[in-house]
Amino acid sequence: MIVRFGYVAMSTVIGEASPSKTMTFKTFSGLADREAAVRRLEWIAGQNLHNTLRLLRHNVGHDIRVFRFSSKLIPLATHEALADWNPYEALAEPFALLGEYVRKHGLRVSFHPDHFTILSTPRPEVLRSSLRDMNHHMAMLDAMGLNGQAKINIHVGGAYGDKPSAAARFRENITALPEPTKQRLTFENDDKTFNAPETLELCEALGIPMVLDIHHQAVNNVGEDLLELWPRIQATWATPYAQADSPSDQSLAPKIHASSPKSASDPRAHADHVLVGPLLEFLRGIASHTAQVDVMLEAKLKDSALFMLMEDLQKFGGDGVDILDGASVLIHP
């Protein structure tokens, strides 16, 4: 089984390359010239997009083909007071450059909106805000010219004291989304509310691929055996929504998230690095019936954690692990 590793949004190796520089609305509204304030937002966003391209070049130089974009590329993009602003048009060139680079190098990229994007909510105003944020992420991917293989990963959301009702609302709200949006989605199990079996049931019902987070599953489970659950999770990546823009496109390899607990007293928080043992145990368990899996590392030290994990995996050479390049390995069952 081929395993490719990626990391989230920012580098701890490349200096001065933040893709998440921002401006608060207080600062924006304090500027007397609104047009100049908007141009300032566009300049900051342009810097974020430029730094994102720098990170992608860094990634390609180290064989890293899996990457999650920052959701904070454009400051204040979804603020109601800026509803008349079209940042995607103003930033068309840097977005196009990003998309061109992604396509040229065959990178697998995604977004993961923050925890305020909740489609299980019973509150109409929260749903409206969540849909606005979803549309913003869609617009960024469209501005890059990327097809449906570039995904937007979300959690199911809160239970609000009645998990079956929350799941029903989530299913109803997802069903009502436009087809291009549903084509972009993946669902992930979380660490407190909707566990892996519950998330999988929604994925199967809606035809949406599931991103398994093995850390979340470890702290929020009902005693399920992940290796028994895996074939069903893998099957969600063979549905039409796992493809790109036409039935002729190949399905994506399954994707998982991996991280390690920060401490015994804070098991849900992410550690700086990823412990090789538990991850390798899971990967070996699925290797006999999975051709490829992509692993997003959610460690605090980002690409540094990836490089350290590769060093740890290299120590297992000759023990069923072959190093393929700087960010991928071959796992033997």
C-alpha atoms as a PDB file:
ATOM      1  CA  MET A   1       0.000   0.000   0.000  1.00  0.00           C
ATOM      2  CA  ILE A   2       1.329   3.431  -0.971  1.00  0.00           C
ATOM      3  CA  VAL A   3       0.990   6.062   1.759  1.00  0.00           C
ATOM      4  CA  ARG A   4       1.487   9.759   1.010  1.00  0.00           C
ATOM      5  CA  PHE A   5       1.812  12.232   3.871  1.00  0.00           C
ATOM      6  CA  GLY A   6       0.781  15.869   3.944  1.00  0.00           C
ATOM      7  CA  TYR A   7       0.373  18.655   6.459  1.00  0.00           C
ATOM      8  CA  VAL A   8      -1.867  21.599   7.283  1.00  0.00           C
ATOM      9  CA  ALA A   9      -1.691  25.145   5.931  1.00  0.00           C
ATOM     10  CA  MET A  10       1.526  26.541   7.439  1.00  0.00           C
ATOM     11  CA  SER A  11       5.233  25.696   7.534  1.00  0.00           C
ATOM     12  CA  THR A  12       7.475  25.715  10.583  1.00  0.00           C
ATOM     13  CA  VAL A  13      10.478  25.318   8.285  1.00  0.00           C
ATOM     14  CA  ILE A  14       9.988  28.190   5.809  1.00  0.00           C
ATOM     15  CA  GLY A  15      10.211  31.574   7.496  1.00  0.00           C
ATOM     16  CA  GLU A  16       7.993  34.583   6.769  1.00  0.00           C
ATOM     17  CA  ALA A  17       5.530  32.518   4.745  1.00  0.00           C
ATOM     18  CA  SER A  18       2.266  32.812   6.631  1.00  0.00           C
ATOM     19  CA  PRO A  19      -0.795  32.273   4.400  1.00  0.00           C
ATOM     20  CA  SER A  20      -3.094  33.630   7.116  1.00  0.00           C
ATOM     21  CA  LYS A  21      -2.186  37.282   7.579  1.00  0.00           C
ATOM     22  CA  THR A  22      -5.294  39.224   8.471  1.00  0.00           C
ATOM     23  CA  MET A  23      -6.989  42.520   9.272  1.00  0.00           C
ATOM     24  CA  THR A  24      -9.693  42.856  11.916  1.00  0.00           C
ATOM     25  CA  PHE A  25     -12.977  44.486  11.043  1.00  0.00           C
ATOM     26  CA  LYS A  26     -12.283  47.072  13.743  1.00  0.00           C
ATOM     27  CA  THR A  27      -9.120  48.109  11.915  1.00  0.00           C
ATOM     28  CA  PHE A  28     -10.917  48.025   8.563  1.00  0.00           C
ATOM     29  CA  SER A  29     -13.829  50.150   9.752  1.00  0.00           C
ATOM     30  CA  GLY A  30     -11.423  52.594  11.390  1.00  0.00           C
ATOM     31  CA  LEU A  31      -9.947  53.556   8.026  1.00  0.00           C
ATOM     32  CA  ALA A  32     -11.612  56.704   6.652  1.00  0.00           C
ATOM     33  CA  ASP A  33     -11.208  55.786   2.983  1.00  0.00           C
ATOM     34  CA  ARG A  34     -13.262  52.616   2.433  1.00  0.00           C
ATOM     35  CA  GLU A  35     -11.888  52.047  -1.064  1.00  0.00           C
ATOM     36  CA  ALA A  36      -8.343  52.235   0.266  1.00  0.00           C
ATOM     37  CA  ALA A  37      -9.302  49.838   3.083  1.00  0.00           C
ATOM     38  CA  VAL A  38     -10.617  47.318   0.553  1.00  0.00           C
ATOM     39  CA  ARG A  39      -7.416  47.637  -1.481  1.00  0.00           C
ATOM     40  CA  ARG A  40      -5.497  46.930   1.737  1.00  0.00           C
ATOM     41  CA  LEU A  41      -7.501  43.736   2.263  1.00  0.00           C
ATOM     42  CA  GLU A  42      -6.718  42.686  -1.281  1.00  0.00           C
ATOM     43  CA  TRP A  43      -3.020  43.375  -0.744  1.00  0.00           C
ATOM     44  CA  ILE A  44      -2.980  41.213   2.400  1.00  0.00           C
ATOM     45  CA  ALA A  45      -4.851  38.437   0.575  1.00  0.00           C
ATOM     46  CA  GLY A  46      -2.384  38.701  -2.285  1.00  0.00           C
ATOM     47  CA  GLN A  47       0.467  38.175   0.180  1.00  0.00           C
ATOM     48  CA  ASN A  48      -1.320  35.134   1.612  1.00  0.00           C
ATOM     49  CA  LEU A  49      -1.763  33.627  -1.839  1.00  0.00           C
ATOM     50  CA  HIS A  50       1.866  34.354  -2.731  1.00  0.00           C
ATOM     51  CA  ASN A  51       3.004  32.629   0.465  1.00  0.00           C
ATOM     52  CA  THR A  52       0.742  29.685  -0.283  1.00  0.00           C
ATOM     53  CA  LEU A  53       2.474  29.277  -3.636  1.00  0.00           C
ATOM     54  CA  ARG A  54       5.825  29.422  -1.823  1.00  0.00           C
ATOM     55  CA  LEU A  55       4.631  26.612   0.449  1.00  0.00           C
ATOM     56  CA  LEU A  56       3.512  24.503  -2.508  1.00  0.00           C
ATOM     57  CA  ARG A  57       6.949  24.918  -4.092  1.00  0.00           C
ATOM     58  CA  HIS A  58       8.536  23.924  -0.796  1.00  0.00           C
ATOM     59  CA  ASN A  59       6.260  20.897  -0.700  1.00  0.00           C
ATOM     60  CA  VAL A  60       7.102  19.771  -4.223  1.00  0.00           C
ATOM     61  CA  GLY A  61      10.790  20.147  -3.419  1.00  0.00           C
ATOM     62  CA  HIS A  62      10.292  17.648  -0.583  1.00  0.00           C
ATOM     63  CA  ASP A  63       7.928  15.285  -2.465  1.00  0.00           C
ATOM     64  CA  ILE A  64       4.898  16.410  -0.409  1.00  0.00           C
ATOM     65  CA  ARG A  65       1.822  16.006  -2.605  1.00  0.00           C
ATOM     66  CA  VAL A  66      -0.940  16.406   0.002  1.00  0.00           C
ATOM     67  CA  PHE A  67      -1.719  19.821   1.469  1.00  0.00           C
ATOM     68  CA  ARG A  68      -4.546  21.702   3.182  1.00  0.00           C
ATOM     69  CA  PHE A  69      -4.994  25.350   2.304  1.00  0.00           C
ATOM     70  CA  SER A  70      -5.542  27.911   5.020  1.00  0.00           C
ATOM     71  CA  SER A  71      -9.163  29.042   5.222  1.00  0.00           C
ATOM     72  CA  LYS A  72      -7.903  32.529   6.104  1.00  0.00           C
ATOM     73  CA  LEU A  73      -6.476  33.405   2.713  1.00  0.00           C
ATOM     74  CA  ILE A  74      -8.801  36.401   2.300  1.00  0.00           C
ATOM     75  CA  PRO A  75      -9.405  38.528   5.424  1.00  0.00           C
ATOM     76  CA  LEU A  76     -13.043  39.474   6.088  1.00  0.00           C
ATOM     77  CA  ALA A  77     -14.175  37.668   2.921  1.00  0.00           C
ATOM     78  CA  THR A  78     -17.498  36.589   4.452  1.00  0.00           C
ATOM     79  CA  HIS A  79     -18.185  39.654   6.619  1.00  0.00           C
ATOM     80  CA  GLU A  80     -21.684  40.971   6.013  1.00  0.00           C
ATOM     81  CA  ALA A  81     -20.427  44.557   5.829  1.00  0.00           C
ATOM     82  CA  LEU A  82     -18.357  43.599   2.770  1.00  0.00           C
ATOM     83  CA  ALA A  83     -21.085  41.783   0.869  1.00  0.00           C
ATOM     84  CA  ASP A  84     -20.571  44.095  -2.131  1.00  0.00           C
ATOM     85  CA  TRP A  85     -16.890  43.156  -2.439  1.00  0.00           C
ATOM     86  CA  ASN A  86     -15.767  40.515  -4.936  1.00  0.00           C
ATOM     87  CA  PRO A  87     -12.274  39.505  -3.814  1.00  0.00           C
ATOM     88  CA  TYR A  88     -12.096  36.537  -6.196  1.00  0.00           C
ATOM     89  CA  GLU A  89     -12.227  38.822  -9.213  1.00  0.00           C
ATOM     90  CA  ALA A  90      -9.654  41.197  -7.739  1.00  0.00           C
ATOM     91  CA  LEU A  91      -7.334  38.259  -6.920  1.00  0.00           C
ATOM     92  CA  ALA A  92      -7.956  36.296 -10.114  1.00  0.00           C
ATOM     93  CA  GLU A  93      -4.290  36.183 -11.153  1.00  0.00           C
ATOM     94  CA  PRO A  94      -2.736  34.816  -7.927  1.00  0.00           C
ATOM     95  CA  PHE A  95      -5.585  32.312  -7.564  1.00  0.00           C
ATOM     96  CA  ALA A  96      -5.015  31.147 -11.159  1.00  0.00           C
ATOM     97  CA  LEU A  97      -1.295  30.731 -10.494  1.00  0.00           C
ATOM     98  CA  LEU A  98      -2.059  28.532  -7.487  1.00  0.00           C
ATOM     99  CA  GLY A  99      -4.436  26.360  -9.475  1.00  0.00           C
ATOM    100  CA  GLU A 100      -1.976  26.032 -12.328  1.00  0.00           C
ATOM    101  CA  TYR A 101       0.750  24.880  -9.956  1.00  0.00           C
ATOM    102  CA  VAL A 102      -1.556  22.354  -8.279  1.00  0.00           C
ATOM    103  CA  ARG A 103      -2.540  20.856 -11.624  1.00  0.00           C
ATOM    104  CA  LYS A 104       0.989  20.851 -13.036  1.00  0.00           C
ATOM    105  CA  HIS A 105       2.356  18.859 -10.093  1.00  0.00           C
ATOM    106  CA  GLY A 106      -0.662  16.660  -9.432  1.00  0.00           C
ATOM    107  CA  LEU A 107      -1.133  17.893  -5.876  1.00  0.00           C
ATOM    108  CA  ARG A 108      -4.036  16.844  -3.676  1.00  0.00           C
ATOM    109  CA  VAL A 109      -5.354  19.951  -1.944  1.00  0.00           C
ATOM    110  CA  SER A 110      -8.295  20.681   0.311  1.00  0.00           C
ATOM    111  CA  PHE A 111      -9.928  23.132   2.697  1.00  0.00           C
ATOM    112  CA  HIS A 112     -11.253  22.506   6.207  1.00  0.00           C
ATOM    113  CA  PRO A 113     -13.616  25.342   7.293  1.00  0.00           C
ATOM    114  CA  ASP A 114     -13.493  26.180  10.984  1.00  0.00           C
ATOM    115  CA  HIS A 115     -15.888  24.955  13.664  1.00  0.00           C
ATOM    116  CA  PHE A 116     -18.334  27.830  13.031  1.00  0.00           C
ATOM    117  CA  THR A 117     -19.422  26.167   9.776  1.00  0.00           C
ATOM    118  CA  ILE A 118     -22.194  23.979  11.174  1.00  0.00           C
ATOM    119  CA  LEU A 119     -24.891  22.359   9.063  1.00  0.00           C
ATOM    120  CA  SER A 120     -26.572  20.507  11.922  1.00  0.00           C
ATOM    121  CA  THR A 121     -27.582  23.769  13.609  1.00  0.00           C
ATOM    122  CA  PRO A 122     -31.227  24.488  14.530  1.00  0.00           C
ATOM    123  CA  ARG A 123     -30.584  28.257  14.232  1.00  0.00           C
ATOM    124  CA  PRO A 124     -31.382  29.786  10.810  1.00  0.00           C
ATOM    125  CA  GLU A 125     -28.852  32.607  11.216  1.00  0.00           C
ATOM    126  CA  VAL A 126     -26.047  30.125  11.962  1.00  0.00           C
ATOM    127  CA  LEU A 127     -27.057  28.066   8.937  1.00  0.00           C
ATOM    128  CA  ARG A 128     -26.983  31.160   6.725  1.00  0.00           C
ATOM    129  CA  SER A 129     -23.515  32.037   8.010  1.00  0.00           C
ATOM    130  CA  SER A 130     -22.339  28.454   7.483  1.00  0.00           C
ATOM    131  CA  LEU A 131     -23.618  28.381   3.912  1.00  0.00           C
ATOM    132  CA  ARG A 132     -21.972  31.726   3.225  1.00  0.00           C
ATOM    133  CA  ASP A 133     -18.665  30.293   4.448  1.00  0.00           C
ATOM    134  CA  MET A 134     -19.171  27.166   2.364  1.00  0.00           C
ATOM    135  CA  ASN A 135     -19.786  29.292  -0.724  1.00  0.00           C
ATOM    136  CA  HIS A 136     -16.622  31.251   0.034  1.00  0.00           C
ATOM    137  CA  HIS A 137     -14.530  28.073   0.025  1.00  0.00           C
ATOM    138  CA  MET A 138     -16.229  26.976  -3.194  1.00  0.00           C
ATOM    139  CA  ALA A 139     -15.422  30.336  -4.776  1.00  0.00           C
ATOM    140  CA  MET A 140     -11.739  30.036  -3.858  1.00  0.00           C
ATOM    141  CA  LEU A 141     -11.466  26.595  -5.441  1.00  0.00           C
ATOM    142  CA  ASP A 142     -13.348  27.822  -8.512  1.00  0.00           C
ATOM    143  CA  ALA A 143     -10.979  30.804  -8.738  1.00  0.00           C
ATOM    144  CA  MET A 144      -8.101  28.310  -8.821  1.00  0.00           C
ATOM    145  CA  GLY A 145      -9.824  26.425 -11.619  1.00  0.00           C
ATOM    146  CA  LEU A 146      -9.667  23.158  -9.678  1.00  0.00           C
ATOM    147  CA  ASN A 147     -12.096  20.327 -10.264  1.00  0.00           C
ATOM    148  CA  GLY A 148     -14.118  18.344  -7.751  1.00  0.00           C
ATOM    149  CA  GLN A 149     -11.098  16.380  -6.547  1.00  0.00           C
ATOM    150  CA  ALA A 150     -10.180  19.430  -4.432  1.00  0.00           C
ATOM    151  CA  LYS A 151     -12.364  18.847  -1.391  1.00  0.00           C
ATOM    152  CA  ILE A 152     -13.936  20.851   1.442  1.00  0.00           C
ATOM    153  CA  ASN A 153     -13.890  18.767   4.611  1.00  0.00           C
ATOM    154  CA  ILE A 154     -16.451  19.404   7.371  1.00  0.00           C
ATOM    155  CA  HIS A 155     -17.677  17.880  10.619  1.00  0.00           C
ATOM    156  CA  VAL A 156     -21.314  17.001  11.123  1.00  0.00           C
ATOM    157  CA  GLY A 157     -21.558  19.503  13.976  1.00  0.00           C
ATOM    158  CA  GLY A 158     -23.280  19.729  17.336  1.00  0.00           C
ATOM    159  CA  ALA A 159     -26.014  17.485  18.727  1.00  0.00           C
ATOM    160  CA  TYR A 160     -27.927  20.282  20.510  1.00  0.00           C
ATOM    161  CA  GLY A 161     -29.324  17.817  23.048  1.00  0.00           C
ATOM    162  CA  ASP A 162     -30.890  15.592  20.390  1.00  0.00           C
ATOM    163  CA  LYS A 163     -28.392  13.830  18.153  1.00  0.00           C
ATOM    164  CA  PRO A 164     -30.939  12.086  15.859  1.00  0.00           C
ATOM    165  CA  SER A 165     -32.622  15.422  15.136  1.00  0.00           C
ATOM    166  CA  ALA A 166     -29.259  17.093  14.528  1.00  0.00           C
ATOM    167  CA  ALA A 167     -28.281  14.324  12.114  1.00  0.00           C
ATOM    168  CA  ALA A 168     -31.611  14.695  10.306  1.00  0.00           C
ATOM    169  CA  ARG A 169     -31.086  18.468   9.944  1.00  0.00           C
ATOM    170  CA  PHE A 170     -27.571  17.905   8.683  1.00  0.00           C
ATOM    171  CA  ARG A 171     -28.792  15.392   6.120  1.00  0.00           C
ATOM    172  CA  GLU A 172     -31.593  17.734   5.001  1.00  0.00           C
ATOM    173  CA  ASN A 173     -29.245  20.717   4.665  1.00  0.00           C
ATOM    174  CA  ILE A 174     -26.638  18.719   2.752  1.00  0.00           C
ATOM    175  CA  THR A 175     -29.297  17.353   0.399  1.00  0.00           C
ATOM    176  CA  ALA A 176     -30.436  20.902  -0.372  1.00  0.00           C
ATOM    177  CA  LEU A 177     -26.946  22.018  -1.448  1.00  0.00           C
ATOM    178  CA  PRO A 178     -26.195  22.540  -5.146  1.00  0.00           C
ATOM    179  CA  GLU A 179     -24.621  19.539  -6.859  1.00  0.00           C
ATOM    180  CA  PRO A 180     -21.233  21.262  -7.412  1.00  0.00           C
ATOM    181  CA  THR A 181     -21.000  21.891  -3.673  1.00  0.00           C
ATOM    182  CA  LYS A 182     -21.882  18.314  -2.754  1.00  0.00           C
ATOM    183  CA  GLN A 183     -19.241  17.162  -5.215  1.00  0.00           C
ATOM    184  CA  ARG A 184     -16.631  19.006  -3.145  1.00  0.00           C
ATOM    185  CA  LEU A 185     -17.570  17.650   0.288  1.00  0.00           C
ATOM    186  CA  THR A 186     -16.064  15.140   2.647  1.00  0.00           C
ATOM    187  CA  PHE A 187     -17.262  14.435   6.203  1.00  0.00           C
ATOM    188  CA  GLU A 188     -15.004  13.740   9.172  1.00  0.00           C
ATOM    189  CA  ASN A 189     -15.737  12.110  12.519  1.00  0.00           C
ATOM    190  CA  ASP A 190     -15.103  14.432  15.464  1.00  0.00           C
ATOM    191  CA  ASP A 191     -13.675  14.044  18.936  1.00  0.00           C
ATOM    192  CA  LYS A 192     -16.761  14.858  21.004  1.00  0.00           C
ATOM    193  CA  THR A 193     -20.056  14.374  19.182  1.00  0.00           C
ATOM    194  CA  PHE A 194     -20.517  12.465  15.925  1.00  0.00           C
ATOM    195  CA  ASN A 195     -18.253   9.430  16.103  1.00  0.00           C
ATOM    196  CA  ALA A 196     -16.904   7.326  13.252  1.00  0.00           C
ATOM    197  CA  PRO A 197     -19.890   4.933  12.847  1.00  0.00           C
ATOM    198  CA  GLU A 198     -22.378   7.818  12.978  1.00  0.00           C
ATOM    199  CA  THR A 199     -20.420   9.891  10.478  1.00  0.00           C
ATOM    200  CA  LEU A 200     -20.037   6.870   8.220  1.00  0.00           C
ATOM    201  CA  GLU A 201     -23.792   6.279   8.207  1.00  0.00           C
ATOM    202  CA  LEU A 202     -24.348   9.842   6.992  1.00  0.00           C
ATOM    203  CA  CYS A 203     -21.634   9.464   4.351  1.00  0.00           C
ATOM    204  CA  GLU A 204     -23.236   6.277   3.069  1.00  0.00           C
ATOM    205  CA  ALA A 205     -26.716   7.798   3.050  1.00  0.00           C
ATOM    206  CA  LEU A 206     -25.611  10.904   1.167  1.00  0.00           C
ATOM    207  CA  GLY A 207     -22.922   9.376  -1.043  1.00  0.00           C
ATOM    208  CA  ILE A 208     -20.201  11.611   0.405  1.00  0.00           C
ATOM    209  CA  PRO A 209     -16.633  10.346   1.053  1.00  0.00           C
ATOM    210  CA  MET A 210     -15.545   9.997   4.676  1.00  0.00           C
ATOM    211  CA  VAL A 211     -12.251  11.267   6.053  1.00  0.00           C
ATOM    212  CA  LEU A 212     -11.389   9.066   9.012  1.00  0.00           C
ATOM    213  CA  ASP A 213      -9.619  10.849  11.857  1.00  0.00           C
ATOM    214  CA  ILE A 214      -7.935   8.097  13.849  1.00  0.00           C
ATOM    215  CA  HIS A 215      -7.085  10.418  16.761  1.00  0.00           C
ATOM    216  CA  HIS A 216     -10.704  11.575  17.064  1.00  0.00           C
ATOM    217  CA  GLN A 217     -11.867   7.976  16.909  1.00  0.00           C
ATOM    218  CA  ALA A 218      -9.527   7.030  19.737  1.00  0.00           C
ATOM    219  CA  VAL A 219     -11.108   9.583  22.085  1.00  0.00           C
ATOM    220  CA  ASN A 220     -14.705   9.321  20.821  1.00  0.00           C
ATOM    221  CA  ASN A 221     -15.856   5.807  20.044  1.00  0.00           C
ATOM    222  CA  VAL A 222     -18.364   3.135  21.006  1.00  0.00           C
ATOM    223  CA  GLY A 223     -15.845   0.307  21.023  1.00  0.00           C
ATOM    224  CA  GLU A 224     -15.877  -0.229  17.261  1.00  0.00           C
ATOM    225  CA  ASP A 225     -13.026  -2.060  15.554  1.00  0.00           C
ATOM    226  CA  LEU A 226     -11.599   0.370  13.003  1.00  0.00           C
ATOM    227  CA  LEU A 227     -10.157  -2.396  10.877  1.00  0.00           C
ATOM    228  CA  GLU A 228     -13.641  -3.910  10.573  1.00  0.00           C
ATOM    229  CA  LEU A 229     -15.114  -0.475   9.789  1.00  0.00           C
ATOM    230  CA  TRP A 230     -12.448   0.436   7.236  1.00  0.00           C
ATOM    231  CA  PRO A 231     -13.854  -1.429   4.179  1.00  0.00           C
ATOM    232  CA  ARG A 232     -17.070   0.592   4.466  1.00  0.00           C
ATOM    233  CA  ILE A 233     -15.111   3.846   4.881  1.00  0.00           C
ATOM    234  CA  GLN A 234     -12.960   2.969   1.884  1.00  0.00           C
ATOM    235  CA  ALA A 235     -16.079   2.262  -0.183  1.00  0.00           C
ATOM    236  CA  THR A 236     -17.288   5.842   0.303  1.00  0.00           C
ATOM    237  CA  TRP A 237     -14.356   6.920  -1.868  1.00  0.00           C
ATOM    238  CA  ALA A 238     -15.803   4.990  -4.819  1.00  0.00           C
ATOM    239  CA  THR A 239     -19.062   6.978  -4.966  1.00  0.00           C
ATOM    240  CA  PRO A 240     -19.785   9.581  -7.711  1.00  0.00           C
ATOM    241  CA  TYR A 241     -19.107  12.466  -5.300  1.00  0.00           C
ATOM    242  CA  ALA A 242     -15.588  11.119  -4.732  1.00  0.00           C
ATOM    243  CA  GLN A 243     -14.836  11.648  -8.404  1.00  0.00           C
ATOM    244  CA  ALA A 244     -14.014  14.939 -10.069  1.00  0.00           C
ATOM    245  CA  ASP A 245     -16.357  16.389 -12.686  1.00  0.00           C
ATOM    246  CA  SER A 246     -17.457  13.423 -14.742  1.00  0.00           C
ATOM    247  CA  PRO A 247     -18.088   9.697 -14.265  1.00  0.00           C
ATOM    248  CA  SER A 248     -14.960   9.002 -16.333  1.00  0.00           C
ATOM    249  CA  ASP A 249     -12.704  10.504 -13.689  1.00  0.00           C
ATOM    250  CA  GLN A 250     -10.984   8.088 -11.359  1.00  0.00           C
ATOM    251  CA  SER A 251     -11.972   8.023  -7.715  1.00  0.00           C
ATOM    252  CA  LEU A 252      -9.550   9.507  -5.224  1.00  0.00           C
ATOM    253  CA  ALA A 253      -7.588   7.367  -2.821  1.00  0.00           C
ATOM    254  CA  PRO A 254      -9.081   7.338   0.698  1.00  0.00           C
ATOM    255  CA  LYS A 255      -7.826  10.057   3.006  1.00  0.00           C
ATOM    256  CA  ILE A 256      -7.327   9.955   6.764  1.00  0.00           C
ATOM    257  CA  HIS A 257      -6.238  12.429   9.426  1.00  0.00           C
ATOM    258  CA  ALA A 258      -3.561  11.469  11.920  1.00  0.00           C
ATOM    259  CA  SER A 259      -2.302  13.169  15.057  1.00  0.00           C
ATOM    260  CA  SER A 260      -1.230  12.222  18.560  1.00  0.00           C
ATOM    261  CA  PRO A 261      -2.595  13.308  21.950  1.00  0.00           C
ATOM    262  CA  LYS A 262      -0.849  16.261  23.530  1.00  0.00           C
ATOM    263  CA  SER A 263      -0.769  14.530  26.930  1.00  0.00           C
ATOM    264  CA  ALA A 264      -2.595  12.010  29.084  1.00  0.00           C
ATOM    265  CA  SER A 265      -4.384  14.867  30.832  1.00  0.00           C
ATOM    266  CA  ASP A 266      -5.322  16.524  27.514  1.00  0.00           C
ATOM    267  CA  PRO A 267      -5.884  13.627  25.103  1.00  0.00           C
ATOM    268  CA  ARG A 268      -7.995  15.578  22.587  1.00  0.00           C
ATOM    269  CA  ALA A 269      -5.414  18.293  21.891  1.00  0.00           C
ATOM    270  CA  HIS A 270      -2.825  17.678  19.180  1.00  0.00           C
ATOM    271  CA  ALA A 271       0.820  17.076  20.019  1.00  0.00           C
ATOM    272  CA  ASP A 272       3.750  18.717  18.264  1.00  0.00           C
ATOM    273  CA  HIS A 273       4.617  15.475  16.475  1.00  0.00           C
ATOM    274  CA  VAL A 274       2.909  12.237  15.425  1.00  0.00           C
ATOM    275  CA  LEU A 275       3.843   9.014  17.198  1.00  0.00           C
ATOM    276  CA  VAL A 276       4.841   6.482  14.582  1.00  0.00           C
ATOM    277  CA  GLY A 277       3.680   3.351  16.464  1.00  0.00           C
ATOM    278  CA  PRO A 278      -0.129   3.720  16.545  1.00  0.00           C
ATOM    279  CA  LEU A 279      -0.247   5.156  13.020  1.00  0.00           C
ATOM    280  CA  LEU A 280       1.915   2.395  11.579  1.00  0.00           C
ATOM    281  CA  GLU A 281      -0.187  -0.240  13.337  1.00  0.00           C
ATOM    282  CA  PHE A 282      -3.335   1.070  11.653  1.00  0.00           C
ATOM    283  CA  LEU A 283      -1.687   1.409   8.244  1.00  0.00           C
ATOM    284  CA  ARG A 284      -0.401  -2.151   8.388  1.00  0.00           C
ATOM    285  CA  GLY A 285      -3.882  -3.306   9.311  1.00  0.00           C
ATOM    286  CA  ILE A 286      -5.442  -1.883   6.151  1.00  0.00           C
ATOM    287  CA  ALA A 287      -2.529  -2.501   3.781  1.00  0.00           C
ATOM    288  CA  SER A 288      -3.710  -5.891   2.524  1.00  0.00           C
ATOM    289  CA  HIS A 289      -6.858  -4.475   0.897  1.00  0.00           C
ATOM    290  CA  THR A 290      -6.010  -0.820   0.229  1.00  0.00           C
ATOM    291  CA  ALA A 291      -3.864   0.234  -2.743  1.00  0.00           C
ATOM    292  CA  GLN A 292      -3.185   3.791  -1.571  1.00  0.00           C
ATOM    293  CA  VAL A 293      -4.123   6.120   1.268  1.00  0.00           C
ATOM    294  CA  ASP A 294      -3.262   9.772   1.809  1.00  0.00           C
ATOM    295  CA  VAL A 295      -2.579  10.886   5.373  1.00  0.00           C
ATOM    296  CA  MET A 296      -3.040  14.470   6.535  1.00  0.00           C
ATOM    297  CA  LEU A 297      -0.878  15.040   9.606  1.00  0.00           C
ATOM    298  CA  GLU A 298      -2.495  17.432  12.076  1.00  0.00           C
ATOM    299  CA  ALA A 299       0.538  18.004  14.267  1.00  0.00           C
ATOM    300  CA  LYS A 300       1.404  21.376  15.739  1.00  0.00           C
ATOM    301  CA  LEU A 301       4.828  21.433  14.082  1.00  0.00           C
ATOM    302  CA  LYS A 302       3.341  20.995  10.601  1.00  0.00           C
ATOM    303  CA  ASP A 303       5.988  20.052   8.002  1.00  0.00           C
ATOM    304  CA  SER A 304       8.634  19.583  10.704  1.00  0.00           C
ATOM    305  CA  ALA A 305       6.432  16.845  12.160  1.00  0.00           C
ATOM    306  CA  LEU A 306       6.143  15.242   8.724  1.00  0.00           C
ATOM    307  CA  PHE A 307       9.909  15.190   8.273  1.00  0.00           C
ATOM    308  CA  MET A 308      10.393  13.674  11.729  1.00  0.00           C
ATOM    309  CA  LEU A 309       7.757  11.027  11.025  1.00  0.00           C
ATOM    310  CA  MET A 310       9.576  10.082   7.813  1.00  0.00           C
ATOM    311  CA  GLU A 311      12.791   9.701   9.818  1.00  0.00           C
ATOM    312  CA  ASP A 312      10.977   7.451  12.277  1.00  0.00           C
ATOM    313  CA  LEU A 313       9.485   5.384   9.457  1.00  0.00           C
ATOM    314  CA  GLN A 314      12.908   4.989   7.886  1.00  0.00           C
ATOM    315  CA  LYS A 315      13.995   3.190  11.030  1.00  0.00           C
ATOM    316  CA  PHE A 316      11.439   0.520  10.144  1.00  0.00           C
ATOM    317  CA  GLY A 317      13.074  -0.134   6.766  1.00  0.00           C
ATOM    318  CA  GLY A 318      13.269  -3.867   6.192  1.00  0.00           C
ATOM    319  CA  ASP A 319      10.367  -4.356   8.584  1.00  0.00           C
ATOM    320  CA  GLY A 320       7.594  -3.976   6.034  1.00  0.00           C
ATOM    321  CA  VAL A 321       8.176  -0.273   5.330  1.00  0.00           C
ATOM    322  CA  ASP A 322       9.903   0.958   2.175  1.00  0.00           C
ATOM    323  CA  ILE A 323      10.711   4.651   1.776  1.00  0.00           C
ATOM    324  CA  LEU A 324       9.592   5.813  -1.680  1.00  0.00           C
ATOM    325  CA  ASP A 325      10.579   9.478  -1.488  1.00  0.00           C
ATOM    326  CA  GLY A 326      10.635  12.393   0.935  1.00  0.00           C
ATOM    327  CA  ALA A 327       6.975  12.114   1.923  1.00  0.00           C
ATOM    328  CA  SER A 328       5.658   8.687   0.947  1.00  0.00           C
ATOM    329  CA  VAL A 329       6.225   5.067   1.864  1.00  0.00           C
ATOM    330  CA  LEU A 330       5.200   1.587   0.807  1.00  0.00           C
ATOM    331  CA  ILE A 331       3.618  -0.437   3.609  1.00  0.00           C
ATOM    332  CA  HIS A 332       3.622  -4.202   3.320  1.00  0.00           C
ATOM    333  CA  PRO A 333       0.816  -6.131   5.096  1.00  0.00           C
END
